[in-house]
Amino acid sequence: MRKAVIAGNWKMNKTVSEAVELICELKKLVFDVTDTEIVVAPPFLAIYRVAQEAKGSNIRISAQDIFWEEKGAYTGAVSPMMLSDVGCKYTIVGHSERRQYFGETDETVNRKIRAALGQGLAPIFCVGEVIEQRESGETFSVIETQVRKGLSGLSPPEMKDLIVAYEPVWAIGTGKTATGEQAEEVHAFIRGLLKEVSQGTADNTRILYGGSVNPDNVDGLMAKPNIDGALVGGASLKAEDFARIVKYKR
């Protein structure tokens, strides 16, 4: 049985003090949740303080991105070792906004996944298509390329800590959401791909849906057999909304 994961990506929102206020409020609302992994990804500057406030709670900390080198002359980059040191257990890799605005490629995603795993961080590996690809029937070919290149060279033991997030780019921050059926179709396709590339770990790999998840649509999405959780954007910035998503109706 795969344990659900609900991850909140705060993106470039919240000052340090605002982030601390949010985690303190969230802790009170979800303290009794035991059957779902709860993850939040604050901005880099707030990670340490949020991790300190989350100590002893059921909330785990993720970074929003990572670089593949441990140290060196890489101005502005943050290494896996640094993230682990301040309390991160996860890192998002290959988010569509990193691909769109910062030149992320399937090859750099692969390097980041390897680096994260090497430091004991669980990657939340994002894949997804833009609206033009969806409308032209390219969804599955796009996803297949991203999955195969992103996971190239990984061994089954390395794959066991991986989390995949399907995020249709046309549904991120737009208010649009893939229907449960659309999301399930792609999630089932991804699980089939994982069976080809991961040699036996696919049935245990959690696949999250990300794309305007909110308290009103989470129950229907989570009812699908291959949807194991959610990567939540805007709705994770309000403690009550995120708590409702964490406590989706089984």
Foldseek 3Di string as FASTA:
>chain_A
DAQFEAEEEADPDDDLVLLLVLLLLLQVLCQPDDRYQAEYEDAPVNLLVSQVSCPPGSYAYEHAEAALDQDDDDPPGHHLVNNVVSGHQAYEADPVCCVVPPVDDLQRLLSRLVSNLVSNHAYAYEFEEEPVCVVVVNTLVRRLVSVCSNPPPDALVSCLRYAYEYEHPNQAPPQDDDALVRVLVVLVSVLVSCVVVNVPRSVHHAYAYEGNDWLVCLQRNCVRPRHRYYHYYPLSSHSVTSSSSSVHDD
